[in-house]
Amino acid sequence: MSVVLIFLAAIAAIMIWWLAGQRLTSKPWLETGSVQLPDHHGTERAPVPAVKIGLFVFLGVVGAVFSLAVSAYFMRAASADWWGMPVPRLLWVNTAALALSSAALQWAKREARHGRMEALRPALVTGLGLAVFFLAGQIQAWRELTAAGYVLADNPANSFFYMLTGLHGLHILGGLAVLAHTTVRAFSAEVAPERLRLSVDLSAIYSHFMLAVWLLLFALFAGWANDFVDLCRTLIS
């Protein structure tokens, strides 16, 4: 339960920090006129797009779903019929690929902000390719585990592994659809960089969040989360 609370607290802290930076907590009825206040650089900030607010609300819901699943994982792991399963070495490679994909999209976000299309295109292709590699690697990890006898219905630990990785993979797949559409648009001669800026920004935010979720799941499967929970309980007691 403590892991769930820590995860939700981290999500809430990130959202509050971002919302504060976007001045969503301001009191417009106390301001005169419709001119926005300047930021610390002395320039006016553009209004926050509704789609970005919607993305953060969606990510909050996704974070809650994964938190509940992780909580169920810990409760079920205390049962007598729970047998741990090995973590395929391929997951390390997959984790590196997802981290590099997230870094590539952060690179793409910076290039889109500066309007450098010649650098934006390879950044988007790199991020897309590495994310596809991650999904393919996850499927291969499933195949290795099933070939070794770790099937879905054999053990609750197996079921949770396939369920959590599958749920995460579906969310990655959904993000890939948007990222692929953005990448195709980036190669269109008719699209200006400023029209891609929001799409790239949203893709980067989504990628960073799904990377954070995967790191939590990977720590869970590797047993590091259990050690962290034990440490927290020791500190609290």
C-alpha atoms as a PDB file:
ATOM      1  CA  MET A   1       0.000   0.000   0.000  1.00  0.00           C
ATOM      2  CA  SER A   2       2.868   2.362   0.738  1.00  0.00           C
ATOM      3  CA  VAL A   3       4.184   1.934  -2.822  1.00  0.00           C
ATOM      4  CA  VAL A   4       0.780   2.916  -4.189  1.00  0.00           C
ATOM      5  CA  LEU A   5       0.652   6.033  -2.019  1.00  0.00           C
ATOM      6  CA  ILE A   6       4.194   7.005  -3.002  1.00  0.00           C
ATOM      7  CA  PHE A   7       3.393   6.513  -6.693  1.00  0.00           C
ATOM      8  CA  LEU A   8       0.183   8.552  -6.487  1.00  0.00           C
ATOM      9  CA  ALA A   9       1.974  11.251  -4.503  1.00  0.00           C
ATOM     10  CA  ALA A  10       4.675  11.455  -7.179  1.00  0.00           C
ATOM     11  CA  ILE A  11       2.048  11.801  -9.929  1.00  0.00           C
ATOM     12  CA  ALA A  12       0.187  14.465  -7.945  1.00  0.00           C
ATOM     13  CA  ALA A  13       3.396  16.388  -7.290  1.00  0.00           C
ATOM     14  CA  ILE A  14       4.314  16.385 -10.987  1.00  0.00           C
ATOM     15  CA  MET A  15       0.837  17.530 -12.009  1.00  0.00           C
ATOM     16  CA  ILE A  16       0.726  20.294  -9.377  1.00  0.00           C
ATOM     17  CA  TRP A  17       4.192  21.489 -10.416  1.00  0.00           C
ATOM     18  CA  TRP A  18       3.176  21.596 -14.075  1.00  0.00           C
ATOM     19  CA  LEU A  19      -0.156  23.273 -13.414  1.00  0.00           C
ATOM     20  CA  ALA A  20       1.526  25.882 -11.253  1.00  0.00           C
ATOM     21  CA  GLY A  21       3.973  26.579 -14.051  1.00  0.00           C
ATOM     22  CA  GLN A  22       1.085  27.070 -16.465  1.00  0.00           C
ATOM     23  CA  ARG A  23      -0.696  29.511 -14.098  1.00  0.00           C
ATOM     24  CA  LEU A  24      -3.826  27.351 -13.932  1.00  0.00           C
ATOM     25  CA  THR A  25      -4.023  28.142 -10.239  1.00  0.00           C
ATOM     26  CA  SER A  26      -4.258  31.883 -10.852  1.00  0.00           C
ATOM     27  CA  LYS A  27      -7.369  33.884  -9.933  1.00  0.00           C
ATOM     28  CA  PRO A  28      -8.587  35.543 -13.146  1.00  0.00           C
ATOM     29  CA  TRP A  29     -11.327  37.443 -11.319  1.00  0.00           C
ATOM     30  CA  LEU A  30      -8.620  39.387  -9.499  1.00  0.00           C
ATOM     31  CA  GLU A  31      -6.863  40.355 -12.735  1.00  0.00           C
ATOM     32  CA  THR A  32      -7.828  43.355 -14.823  1.00  0.00           C
ATOM     33  CA  GLY A  33      -8.223  43.014 -18.560  1.00  0.00           C
ATOM     34  CA  SER A  34      -7.567  39.978 -20.666  1.00  0.00           C
ATOM     35  CA  VAL A  35      -3.839  40.419 -21.109  1.00  0.00           C
ATOM     36  CA  GLN A  36      -1.863  37.576 -19.622  1.00  0.00           C
ATOM     37  CA  LEU A  37       0.811  38.274 -17.064  1.00  0.00           C
ATOM     38  CA  PRO A  38       4.371  37.913 -18.342  1.00  0.00           C
ATOM     39  CA  ASP A  39       6.532  35.037 -17.230  1.00  0.00           C
ATOM     40  CA  HIS A  40       9.975  35.354 -15.677  1.00  0.00           C
ATOM     41  CA  HIS A  41      11.487  36.123 -19.099  1.00  0.00           C
ATOM     42  CA  GLY A  42       9.209  39.104 -19.554  1.00  0.00           C
ATOM     43  CA  THR A  43       7.180  37.571 -22.406  1.00  0.00           C
ATOM     44  CA  GLU A  44       3.509  36.674 -22.399  1.00  0.00           C
ATOM     45  CA  ARG A  45       2.581  33.034 -22.078  1.00  0.00           C
ATOM     46  CA  ALA A  46       0.213  31.378 -24.496  1.00  0.00           C
ATOM     47  CA  PRO A  47      -2.925  29.829 -23.002  1.00  0.00           C
ATOM     48  CA  VAL A  48      -2.656  26.171 -22.069  1.00  0.00           C
ATOM     49  CA  PRO A  49      -4.195  24.000 -24.801  1.00  0.00           C
ATOM     50  CA  ALA A  50      -7.198  22.038 -23.626  1.00  0.00           C
ATOM     51  CA  VAL A  51      -5.754  18.864 -25.138  1.00  0.00           C
ATOM     52  CA  LYS A  52      -2.704  19.133 -22.875  1.00  0.00           C
ATOM     53  CA  ILE A  53      -4.913  19.490 -19.803  1.00  0.00           C
ATOM     54  CA  GLY A  54      -6.880  16.482 -21.017  1.00  0.00           C
ATOM     55  CA  LEU A  55      -3.679  14.490 -21.397  1.00  0.00           C
ATOM     56  CA  PHE A  56      -2.662  15.168 -17.808  1.00  0.00           C
ATOM     57  CA  VAL A  57      -6.104  14.159 -16.570  1.00  0.00           C
ATOM     58  CA  PHE A  58      -5.849  10.959 -18.610  1.00  0.00           C
ATOM     59  CA  LEU A  59      -2.385  10.228 -17.254  1.00  0.00           C
ATOM     60  CA  GLY A  60      -3.714  10.705 -13.739  1.00  0.00           C
ATOM     61  CA  VAL A  61      -6.366   8.063 -14.417  1.00  0.00           C
ATOM     62  CA  VAL A  62      -3.795   5.717 -15.962  1.00  0.00           C
ATOM     63  CA  GLY A  63      -1.537   6.217 -12.956  1.00  0.00           C
ATOM     64  CA  ALA A  64      -4.411   5.331 -10.629  1.00  0.00           C
ATOM     65  CA  VAL A  65      -5.148   2.155 -12.620  1.00  0.00           C
ATOM     66  CA  PHE A  66      -1.542   1.004 -12.447  1.00  0.00           C
ATOM     67  CA  SER A  67      -1.388   1.905  -8.757  1.00  0.00           C
ATOM     68  CA  LEU A  68      -4.391  -0.302  -8.030  1.00  0.00           C
ATOM     69  CA  ALA A  69      -2.844  -3.114 -10.073  1.00  0.00           C
ATOM     70  CA  VAL A  70       0.436  -2.810  -8.158  1.00  0.00           C
ATOM     71  CA  SER A  71      -1.474  -2.816  -4.878  1.00  0.00           C
ATOM     72  CA  ALA A  72      -3.244  -6.023  -5.932  1.00  0.00           C
ATOM     73  CA  TYR A  73       0.156  -7.466  -6.892  1.00  0.00           C
ATOM     74  CA  PHE A  74       1.517  -6.928  -3.372  1.00  0.00           C
ATOM     75  CA  MET A  75      -1.577  -8.334  -1.697  1.00  0.00           C
ATOM     76  CA  ARG A  76      -1.580 -11.423  -3.917  1.00  0.00           C
ATOM     77  CA  ALA A  77       2.169 -11.933  -3.458  1.00  0.00           C
ATOM     78  CA  ALA A  78       1.555 -12.652   0.224  1.00  0.00           C
ATOM     79  CA  SER A  79      -0.391 -15.827  -0.660  1.00  0.00           C
ATOM     80  CA  ALA A  80       1.074 -19.274  -0.221  1.00  0.00           C
ATOM     81  CA  ASP A  81       0.566 -20.234  -3.878  1.00  0.00           C
ATOM     82  CA  TRP A  82       2.770 -17.400  -5.139  1.00  0.00           C
ATOM     83  CA  TRP A  83       6.012 -18.495  -6.809  1.00  0.00           C
ATOM     84  CA  GLY A  84       8.329 -15.878  -8.192  1.00  0.00           C
ATOM     85  CA  MET A  85       9.336 -16.025 -11.821  1.00  0.00           C
ATOM     86  CA  PRO A  86      12.697 -15.071 -13.354  1.00  0.00           C
ATOM     87  CA  VAL A  87      13.136 -11.722 -15.066  1.00  0.00           C
ATOM     88  CA  PRO A  88      14.324 -12.237 -18.659  1.00  0.00           C
ATOM     89  CA  ARG A  89      17.585 -10.467 -19.447  1.00  0.00           C
ATOM     90  CA  LEU A  90      15.870  -9.063 -22.503  1.00  0.00           C
ATOM     91  CA  LEU A  91      13.878  -6.757 -20.231  1.00  0.00           C
ATOM     92  CA  TRP A  92      17.075  -4.833 -19.529  1.00  0.00           C
ATOM     93  CA  VAL A  93      17.509  -4.211 -23.248  1.00  0.00           C
ATOM     94  CA  ASN A  94      13.855  -3.263 -23.575  1.00  0.00           C
ATOM     95  CA  THR A  95      14.158  -0.829 -20.687  1.00  0.00           C
ATOM     96  CA  ALA A  96      17.163   0.832 -22.319  1.00  0.00           C
ATOM     97  CA  ALA A  97      15.267   1.095 -25.610  1.00  0.00           C
ATOM     98  CA  LEU A  98      12.277   2.755 -23.943  1.00  0.00           C
ATOM     99  CA  ALA A  99      14.532   5.178 -22.073  1.00  0.00           C
ATOM    100  CA  LEU A 100      16.332   6.106 -25.300  1.00  0.00           C
ATOM    101  CA  SER A 101      12.978   6.545 -27.045  1.00  0.00           C
ATOM    102  CA  SER A 102      11.879   8.955 -24.334  1.00  0.00           C
ATOM    103  CA  ALA A 103      15.172  10.840 -24.649  1.00  0.00           C
ATOM    104  CA  ALA A 104      14.744  11.031 -28.437  1.00  0.00           C
ATOM    105  CA  LEU A 105      11.283  12.548 -28.045  1.00  0.00           C
ATOM    106  CA  GLN A 106      12.666  15.091 -25.600  1.00  0.00           C
ATOM    107  CA  TRP A 107      15.209  15.922 -28.301  1.00  0.00           C
ATOM    108  CA  ALA A 108      12.362  16.200 -30.827  1.00  0.00           C
ATOM    109  CA  LYS A 109      10.482  18.512 -28.477  1.00  0.00           C
ATOM    110  CA  ARG A 110      13.472  20.845 -28.289  1.00  0.00           C
ATOM    111  CA  GLU A 111      13.935  20.854 -32.066  1.00  0.00           C
ATOM    112  CA  ALA A 112      10.241  21.530 -32.666  1.00  0.00           C
ATOM    113  CA  ARG A 113      10.378  24.443 -30.240  1.00  0.00           C
ATOM    114  CA  HIS A 114      13.199  25.986 -32.264  1.00  0.00           C
ATOM    115  CA  GLY A 115      11.611  25.164 -35.623  1.00  0.00           C
ATOM    116  CA  ARG A 116      14.475  22.967 -36.838  1.00  0.00           C
ATOM    117  CA  MET A 117      12.688  20.479 -39.099  1.00  0.00           C
ATOM    118  CA  GLU A 118      15.921  18.927 -40.376  1.00  0.00           C
ATOM    119  CA  ALA A 119      16.694  17.722 -36.830  1.00  0.00           C
ATOM    120  CA  LEU A 120      13.073  17.131 -35.787  1.00  0.00           C
ATOM    121  CA  ARG A 121      12.477  14.402 -38.353  1.00  0.00           C
ATOM    122  CA  PRO A 122      15.317  12.059 -37.320  1.00  0.00           C
ATOM    123  CA  ALA A 123      14.459  12.632 -33.661  1.00  0.00           C
ATOM    124  CA  LEU A 124      10.863  11.533 -34.245  1.00  0.00           C
ATOM    125  CA  VAL A 125      11.923   8.527 -36.335  1.00  0.00           C
ATOM    126  CA  THR A 126      14.407   7.489 -33.638  1.00  0.00           C
ATOM    127  CA  GLY A 127      11.820   7.772 -30.875  1.00  0.00           C
ATOM    128  CA  LEU A 128       9.253   5.852 -32.919  1.00  0.00           C
ATOM    129  CA  GLY A 129      11.680   3.121 -33.910  1.00  0.00           C
ATOM    130  CA  LEU A 130      12.932   2.554 -30.372  1.00  0.00           C
ATOM    131  CA  ALA A 131       9.372   2.377 -29.023  1.00  0.00           C
ATOM    132  CA  VAL A 132       8.514  -0.243 -31.656  1.00  0.00           C
ATOM    133  CA  PHE A 133      11.683  -2.110 -30.681  1.00  0.00           C
ATOM    134  CA  PHE A 134      10.510  -2.034 -27.049  1.00  0.00           C
ATOM    135  CA  LEU A 135       7.163  -3.597 -27.935  1.00  0.00           C
ATOM    136  CA  ALA A 136       8.812  -6.248 -30.092  1.00  0.00           C
ATOM    137  CA  GLY A 137      11.212  -6.997 -27.244  1.00  0.00           C
ATOM    138  CA  GLN A 138       8.346  -7.387 -24.794  1.00  0.00           C
ATOM    139  CA  ILE A 139       6.665  -9.900 -27.082  1.00  0.00           C
ATOM    140  CA  GLN A 140       9.940 -11.805 -27.399  1.00  0.00           C
ATOM    141  CA  ALA A 141      10.281 -11.836 -23.596  1.00  0.00           C
ATOM    142  CA  TRP A 142       6.803 -13.359 -23.387  1.00  0.00           C
ATOM    143  CA  ARG A 143       7.825 -16.041 -25.884  1.00  0.00           C
ATOM    144  CA  GLU A 144      10.975 -16.860 -23.915  1.00  0.00           C
ATOM    145  CA  LEU A 145       9.003 -17.220 -20.681  1.00  0.00           C
ATOM    146  CA  THR A 146       6.282 -19.392 -22.190  1.00  0.00           C
ATOM    147  CA  ALA A 147       8.924 -21.578 -23.853  1.00  0.00           C
ATOM    148  CA  ALA A 148      10.543 -22.031 -20.429  1.00  0.00           C
ATOM    149  CA  GLY A 149       7.219 -23.187 -18.954  1.00  0.00           C
ATOM    150  CA  TYR A 150       6.076 -19.946 -17.309  1.00  0.00           C
ATOM    151  CA  VAL A 151       2.588 -19.903 -18.775  1.00  0.00           C
ATOM    152  CA  LEU A 152      -0.235 -17.534 -17.877  1.00  0.00           C
ATOM    153  CA  ALA A 153      -2.407 -19.812 -15.732  1.00  0.00           C
ATOM    154  CA  ASP A 154       0.359 -21.747 -13.990  1.00  0.00           C
ATOM    155  CA  ASN A 155       1.030 -19.286 -11.165  1.00  0.00           C
ATOM    156  CA  PRO A 156      -0.456 -15.980  -9.908  1.00  0.00           C
ATOM    157  CA  ALA A 157       2.957 -14.335 -10.342  1.00  0.00           C
ATOM    158  CA  ASN A 158       2.922 -15.310 -14.012  1.00  0.00           C
ATOM    159  CA  SER A 159      -0.593 -13.954 -14.457  1.00  0.00           C
ATOM    160  CA  PHE A 160       0.305 -10.611 -12.917  1.00  0.00           C
ATOM    161  CA  PHE A 161       3.459 -10.345 -15.045  1.00  0.00           C
ATOM    162  CA  TYR A 162       1.572 -10.906 -18.298  1.00  0.00           C
ATOM    163  CA  MET A 163      -1.311  -8.694 -17.206  1.00  0.00           C
ATOM    164  CA  LEU A 164       0.841  -5.739 -16.138  1.00  0.00           C
ATOM    165  CA  THR A 165       3.235  -5.900 -19.080  1.00  0.00           C
ATOM    166  CA  GLY A 166       0.325  -6.363 -21.466  1.00  0.00           C
ATOM    167  CA  LEU A 167      -1.544  -3.392 -20.025  1.00  0.00           C
ATOM    168  CA  HIS A 168       1.571  -1.258 -20.278  1.00  0.00           C
ATOM    169  CA  GLY A 169       2.187  -2.468 -23.830  1.00  0.00           C
ATOM    170  CA  LEU A 170      -1.339  -1.487 -24.873  1.00  0.00           C
ATOM    171  CA  HIS A 171      -0.757   2.041 -23.590  1.00  0.00           C
ATOM    172  CA  ILE A 172       2.559   2.179 -25.453  1.00  0.00           C
ATOM    173  CA  LEU A 173       0.761   1.001 -28.598  1.00  0.00           C
ATOM    174  CA  GLY A 174      -1.807   3.773 -28.236  1.00  0.00           C
ATOM    175  CA  GLY A 175       0.951   6.352 -27.904  1.00  0.00           C
ATOM    176  CA  LEU A 176       2.688   4.889 -30.963  1.00  0.00           C
ATOM    177  CA  ALA A 177      -0.396   5.546 -33.086  1.00  0.00           C
ATOM    178  CA  VAL A 178      -0.255   9.254 -32.244  1.00  0.00           C
ATOM    179  CA  LEU A 179       3.524   9.398 -32.600  1.00  0.00           C
ATOM    180  CA  ALA A 180       3.417   7.664 -35.994  1.00  0.00           C
ATOM    181  CA  HIS A 181       0.832  10.181 -37.208  1.00  0.00           C
ATOM    182  CA  THR A 182       3.018  13.050 -35.984  1.00  0.00           C
ATOM    183  CA  THR A 183       6.094  11.559 -37.646  1.00  0.00           C
ATOM    184  CA  VAL A 184       4.302  11.209 -40.982  1.00  0.00           C
ATOM    185  CA  ARG A 185       3.137  14.815 -40.752  1.00  0.00           C
ATOM    186  CA  ALA A 186       6.702  15.945 -40.042  1.00  0.00           C
ATOM    187  CA  PHE A 187       7.785  14.630 -43.453  1.00  0.00           C
ATOM    188  CA  SER A 188       5.043  16.575 -45.217  1.00  0.00           C
ATOM    189  CA  ALA A 189       6.337  19.668 -47.002  1.00  0.00           C
ATOM    190  CA  GLU A 190       3.141  21.548 -46.203  1.00  0.00           C
ATOM    191  CA  VAL A 191       3.410  21.312 -42.404  1.00  0.00           C
ATOM    192  CA  ALA A 192       5.182  24.119 -40.553  1.00  0.00           C
ATOM    193  CA  PRO A 193       7.156  23.332 -37.366  1.00  0.00           C
ATOM    194  CA  GLU A 194       4.810  25.375 -35.191  1.00  0.00           C
ATOM    195  CA  ARG A 195       1.901  23.144 -36.221  1.00  0.00           C
ATOM    196  CA  LEU A 196       3.788  20.084 -34.991  1.00  0.00           C
ATOM    197  CA  ARG A 197       4.979  21.629 -31.751  1.00  0.00           C
ATOM    198  CA  LEU A 198       1.949  20.632 -29.663  1.00  0.00           C
ATOM    199  CA  SER A 199       1.798  17.078 -31.024  1.00  0.00           C
ATOM    200  CA  VAL A 200       5.489  16.529 -30.329  1.00  0.00           C
ATOM    201  CA  ASP A 201       5.122  18.010 -26.853  1.00  0.00           C
ATOM    202  CA  LEU A 202       2.216  15.694 -26.019  1.00  0.00           C
ATOM    203  CA  SER A 203       4.077  12.661 -27.364  1.00  0.00           C
ATOM    204  CA  ALA A 204       7.112  13.503 -25.239  1.00  0.00           C
ATOM    205  CA  ILE A 205       5.032  13.933 -22.079  1.00  0.00           C
ATOM    206  CA  TYR A 206       3.230  10.651 -22.687  1.00  0.00           C
ATOM    207  CA  SER A 207       6.515   8.846 -23.386  1.00  0.00           C
ATOM    208  CA  HIS A 208       8.119  10.137 -20.181  1.00  0.00           C
ATOM    209  CA  PHE A 209       5.121   9.011 -18.148  1.00  0.00           C
ATOM    210  CA  MET A 210       5.027   5.528 -19.651  1.00  0.00           C
ATOM    211  CA  LEU A 211       8.764   5.214 -19.041  1.00  0.00           C
ATOM    212  CA  ALA A 212       8.203   6.070 -15.361  1.00  0.00           C
ATOM    213  CA  VAL A 213       5.428   3.463 -15.154  1.00  0.00           C
ATOM    214  CA  TRP A 214       7.646   0.826 -16.773  1.00  0.00           C
ATOM    215  CA  LEU A 215      10.533   1.565 -14.405  1.00  0.00           C
ATOM    216  CA  LEU A 216       8.148   0.993 -11.496  1.00  0.00           C
ATOM    217  CA  LEU A 217       6.937  -2.281 -13.011  1.00  0.00           C
ATOM    218  CA  PHE A 218      10.467  -3.416 -13.784  1.00  0.00           C
ATOM    219  CA  ALA A 219      11.512  -2.708 -10.203  1.00  0.00           C
ATOM    220  CA  LEU A 220       8.482  -4.692  -9.077  1.00  0.00           C
ATOM    221  CA  PHE A 221       9.365  -7.734 -11.181  1.00  0.00           C
ATOM    222  CA  ALA A 222      13.033  -7.580 -10.192  1.00  0.00           C
ATOM    223  CA  GLY A 223      12.146  -7.531  -6.494  1.00  0.00           C
ATOM    224  CA  TRP A 224      13.572  -4.080  -5.802  1.00  0.00           C
ATOM    225  CA  ALA A 225      10.156  -2.698  -4.911  1.00  0.00           C
ATOM    226  CA  ASN A 226       9.787  -5.263  -2.127  1.00  0.00           C
ATOM    227  CA  ASP A 227      13.105  -4.165  -0.648  1.00  0.00           C
ATOM    228  CA  PHE A 228      11.970  -0.542  -0.858  1.00  0.00           C
ATOM    229  CA  VAL A 229       8.698  -1.331   0.915  1.00  0.00           C
ATOM    230  CA  ASP A 230      10.568  -3.173   3.659  1.00  0.00           C
ATOM    231  CA  LEU A 231      12.860  -0.179   4.066  1.00  0.00           C
ATOM    232  CA  CYS A 232       9.896   2.206   4.303  1.00  0.00           C
ATOM    233  CA  ARG A 233       8.216   0.011   6.904  1.00  0.00           C
ATOM    234  CA  THR A 234      11.428  -0.104   8.907  1.00  0.00           C
ATOM    235  CA  LEU A 235      11.774   3.663   8.824  1.00  0.00           C
ATOM    236  CA  ILE A 236       8.121   4.196   9.783  1.00  0.00           C
ATOM    237  CA  SER A 237       8.251   1.725  12.660  1.00  0.00           C
END
